[in-house]
Amino acid sequence: MGTIALEGLEFFSYHGFYEEEQKIGNRYSIDVIITVDFQQAAIHDKLSETVNYAKVYEIVSVTMRHSHKLLEHIAYQIIQGIREKYPHVEKIAVSVSKYNPPVGGVCERSRVTLEG
């Protein structure tokens, strides 16, 4: 087993529980860690025997184009998309961060992490 990670994927998207958030948008950061057996890819040097991180980025990008209310839902949708494309993966962890969340005070970012 090994891990494939994409860290610090940044998007400007229109997510949030409050209507204003969905209108003005915000900056988001996504981290994805996939645990998978890529021994055959390492031995044979074949992309078809591992998880293509360009395809993972595409799944994240498509998810971020649609408006969602909760960071938890965004993470869930990303995990589901990766599982559809790569059902053989062992585990997926997705962290979704929102910069300057509306908490009524100074907060650099909020983050949720979901494993599935």
C-alpha atoms as a PDB file:
ATOM      1  CA  MET A   1       0.000   0.000   0.000  1.00  0.00           C
ATOM      2  CA  GLY A   2       1.003   3.563  -0.576  1.00  0.00           C
ATOM      3  CA  THR A   3      -0.540   7.015  -0.722  1.00  0.00           C
ATOM      4  CA  ILE A   4      -1.113   9.466  -3.509  1.00  0.00           C
ATOM      5  CA  ALA A   5      -1.724  13.025  -2.334  1.00  0.00           C
ATOM      6  CA  LEU A   6      -2.811  16.249  -3.966  1.00  0.00           C
ATOM      7  CA  GLU A   7      -2.301  19.113  -1.536  1.00  0.00           C
ATOM      8  CA  GLY A   8      -3.326  22.734  -1.649  1.00  0.00           C
ATOM      9  CA  LEU A   9      -5.687  22.624  -4.624  1.00  0.00           C
ATOM     10  CA  GLU A  10      -7.152  26.125  -4.713  1.00  0.00           C
ATOM     11  CA  PHE A  11     -10.492  27.248  -6.073  1.00  0.00           C
ATOM     12  CA  PHE A  12     -12.733  30.292  -5.946  1.00  0.00           C
ATOM     13  CA  SER A  13     -16.239  28.913  -5.546  1.00  0.00           C
ATOM     14  CA  TYR A  14     -19.734  29.808  -4.396  1.00  0.00           C
ATOM     15  CA  HIS A  15     -20.436  27.511  -1.437  1.00  0.00           C
ATOM     16  CA  GLY A  16     -21.924  28.243   1.942  1.00  0.00           C
ATOM     17  CA  PHE A  17     -24.897  27.898   4.203  1.00  0.00           C
ATOM     18  CA  TYR A  18     -25.762  31.592   3.941  1.00  0.00           C
ATOM     19  CA  GLU A  19     -27.217  33.034   0.757  1.00  0.00           C
ATOM     20  CA  GLU A  20     -24.615  35.828   0.759  1.00  0.00           C
ATOM     21  CA  GLU A  21     -21.797  33.276   0.658  1.00  0.00           C
ATOM     22  CA  GLN A  22     -23.294  31.676  -2.431  1.00  0.00           C
ATOM     23  CA  LYS A  23     -23.459  35.091  -4.126  1.00  0.00           C
ATOM     24  CA  ILE A  24     -20.062  36.608  -3.299  1.00  0.00           C
ATOM     25  CA  GLY A  25     -18.004  33.403  -3.278  1.00  0.00           C
ATOM     26  CA  ASN A  26     -14.843  32.563  -1.388  1.00  0.00           C
ATOM     27  CA  ARG A  27     -11.455  30.928  -1.675  1.00  0.00           C
ATOM     28  CA  TYR A  28     -11.178  27.219  -0.873  1.00  0.00           C
ATOM     29  CA  SER A  29      -8.321  24.772  -0.517  1.00  0.00           C
ATOM     30  CA  ILE A  30      -8.641  21.011  -0.972  1.00  0.00           C
ATOM     31  CA  ASP A  31      -6.273  18.233   0.111  1.00  0.00           C
ATOM     32  CA  VAL A  32      -6.816  14.663  -1.084  1.00  0.00           C
ATOM     33  CA  ILE A  33      -4.953  11.606   0.217  1.00  0.00           C
ATOM     34  CA  ILE A  34      -5.669   8.262  -1.433  1.00  0.00           C
ATOM     35  CA  THR A  35      -4.426   4.980  -0.013  1.00  0.00           C
ATOM     36  CA  VAL A  36      -4.053   2.392  -2.748  1.00  0.00           C
ATOM     37  CA  ASP A  37      -1.952  -0.600  -3.736  1.00  0.00           C
ATOM     38  CA  PHE A  38       0.203   0.745  -6.548  1.00  0.00           C
ATOM     39  CA  GLN A  39       2.893  -1.945  -6.437  1.00  0.00           C
ATOM     40  CA  GLN A  40       2.149  -3.069 -10.007  1.00  0.00           C
ATOM     41  CA  ALA A  41       2.402   0.505 -11.272  1.00  0.00           C
ATOM     42  CA  ALA A  42       5.759   0.853  -9.508  1.00  0.00           C
ATOM     43  CA  ILE A  43       7.030  -2.397 -11.030  1.00  0.00           C
ATOM     44  CA  HIS A  44       5.669  -1.948 -14.568  1.00  0.00           C
ATOM     45  CA  ASP A  45       5.819   1.856 -14.834  1.00  0.00           C
ATOM     46  CA  LYS A  46       2.221   1.979 -16.112  1.00  0.00           C
ATOM     47  CA  LEU A  47      -0.204   4.767 -15.295  1.00  0.00           C
ATOM     48  CA  SER A  48      -3.119   2.406 -15.920  1.00  0.00           C
ATOM     49  CA  GLU A  49      -2.116   0.443 -12.797  1.00  0.00           C
ATOM     50  CA  THR A  50      -2.438   3.343 -10.376  1.00  0.00           C
ATOM     51  CA  VAL A  51      -4.583   6.401  -9.671  1.00  0.00           C
ATOM     52  CA  ASN A  52      -4.068   9.202 -12.178  1.00  0.00           C
ATOM     53  CA  TYR A  53      -3.847  12.368 -10.089  1.00  0.00           C
ATOM     54  CA  ALA A  54      -4.812  14.518 -13.106  1.00  0.00           C
ATOM     55  CA  LYS A  55      -8.146  12.656 -13.114  1.00  0.00           C
ATOM     56  CA  VAL A  56      -8.472  13.203  -9.353  1.00  0.00           C
ATOM     57  CA  TYR A  57      -7.918  16.938  -9.891  1.00  0.00           C
ATOM     58  CA  GLU A  58     -10.628  16.907 -12.551  1.00  0.00           C
ATOM     59  CA  ILE A  59     -13.081  15.255 -10.117  1.00  0.00           C
ATOM     60  CA  VAL A  60     -12.323  17.899  -7.483  1.00  0.00           C
ATOM     61  CA  SER A  61     -12.611  20.722 -10.021  1.00  0.00           C
ATOM     62  CA  VAL A  62     -16.012  19.545 -11.270  1.00  0.00           C
ATOM     63  CA  THR A  63     -17.281  19.245  -7.690  1.00  0.00           C
ATOM     64  CA  MET A  64     -16.107  22.769  -6.856  1.00  0.00           C
ATOM     65  CA  ARG A  65     -18.011  24.219  -9.830  1.00  0.00           C
ATOM     66  CA  HIS A  66     -21.343  23.314  -8.234  1.00  0.00           C
ATOM     67  CA  SER A  67     -22.712  25.208  -5.248  1.00  0.00           C
ATOM     68  CA  HIS A  68     -22.958  23.295  -1.959  1.00  0.00           C
ATOM     69  CA  LYS A  69     -23.992  24.461   1.499  1.00  0.00           C
ATOM     70  CA  LEU A  70     -21.607  22.427   3.657  1.00  0.00           C
ATOM     71  CA  LEU A  71     -17.893  21.651   3.486  1.00  0.00           C
ATOM     72  CA  GLU A  72     -18.784  18.132   4.622  1.00  0.00           C
ATOM     73  CA  HIS A  73     -20.945  17.678   1.521  1.00  0.00           C
ATOM     74  CA  ILE A  74     -18.149  18.890  -0.751  1.00  0.00           C
ATOM     75  CA  ALA A  75     -15.744  16.339   0.770  1.00  0.00           C
ATOM     76  CA  TYR A  76     -18.357  13.594   0.429  1.00  0.00           C
ATOM     77  CA  GLN A  77     -18.975  14.409  -3.236  1.00  0.00           C
ATOM     78  CA  ILE A  78     -15.246  14.324  -3.972  1.00  0.00           C
ATOM     79  CA  ILE A  79     -14.864  10.944  -2.260  1.00  0.00           C
ATOM     80  CA  GLN A  80     -17.839   9.551  -4.192  1.00  0.00           C
ATOM     81  CA  GLY A  81     -16.396  10.811  -7.484  1.00  0.00           C
ATOM     82  CA  ILE A  82     -13.010   9.231  -6.810  1.00  0.00           C
ATOM     83  CA  ARG A  83     -14.622   5.936  -5.737  1.00  0.00           C
ATOM     84  CA  GLU A  84     -16.674   5.847  -8.963  1.00  0.00           C
ATOM     85  CA  LYS A  85     -13.523   6.269 -11.064  1.00  0.00           C
ATOM     86  CA  TYR A  86     -11.244   4.124  -8.867  1.00  0.00           C
ATOM     87  CA  PRO A  87     -13.318   1.563  -6.918  1.00  0.00           C
ATOM     88  CA  HIS A  88     -10.183  -0.385  -5.910  1.00  0.00           C
ATOM     89  CA  VAL A  89      -8.746   2.325  -3.639  1.00  0.00           C
ATOM     90  CA  GLU A  90      -8.391   1.379   0.021  1.00  0.00           C
ATOM     91  CA  LYS A  91      -9.125   4.737   1.658  1.00  0.00           C
ATOM     92  CA  ILE A  92      -9.677   8.365   0.699  1.00  0.00           C
ATOM     93  CA  ALA A  93      -9.266  11.370   2.988  1.00  0.00           C
ATOM     94  CA  VAL A  94     -10.445  14.765   1.785  1.00  0.00           C
ATOM     95  CA  SER A  95      -9.917  18.052   3.637  1.00  0.00           C
ATOM     96  CA  VAL A  96     -11.857  21.113   2.536  1.00  0.00           C
ATOM     97  CA  SER A  97     -10.795  24.530   3.849  1.00  0.00           C
ATOM     98  CA  LYS A  98     -12.732  27.789   3.509  1.00  0.00           C
ATOM     99  CA  TYR A  99     -10.739  30.995   3.936  1.00  0.00           C
ATOM    100  CA  ASN A 100     -12.160  33.803   6.063  1.00  0.00           C
ATOM    101  CA  PRO A 101     -15.339  31.964   7.082  1.00  0.00           C
ATOM    102  CA  PRO A 102     -18.235  34.054   8.411  1.00  0.00           C
ATOM    103  CA  VAL A 103     -17.808  33.330  12.125  1.00  0.00           C
ATOM    104  CA  GLY A 104     -18.158  36.870  13.460  1.00  0.00           C
ATOM    105  CA  GLY A 105     -14.470  37.319  14.199  1.00  0.00           C
ATOM    106  CA  VAL A 106     -10.985  36.728  12.923  1.00  0.00           C
ATOM    107  CA  CYS A 107     -10.540  33.214  11.533  1.00  0.00           C
ATOM    108  CA  GLU A 108      -8.029  32.439   8.814  1.00  0.00           C
ATOM    109  CA  ARG A 109      -9.916  29.357   7.650  1.00  0.00           C
ATOM    110  CA  SER A 110     -12.246  26.590   8.651  1.00  0.00           C
ATOM    111  CA  ARG A 111     -11.576  22.997   7.633  1.00  0.00           C
ATOM    112  CA  VAL A 112     -13.357  19.666   7.624  1.00  0.00           C
ATOM    113  CA  THR A 113     -11.765  16.303   6.896  1.00  0.00           C
ATOM    114  CA  LEU A 114     -13.769  13.289   5.815  1.00  0.00           C
ATOM    115  CA  GLU A 115     -12.484   9.756   5.290  1.00  0.00           C
ATOM    116  CA  GLY A 116     -14.242   7.179   3.219  1.00  0.00           C
END
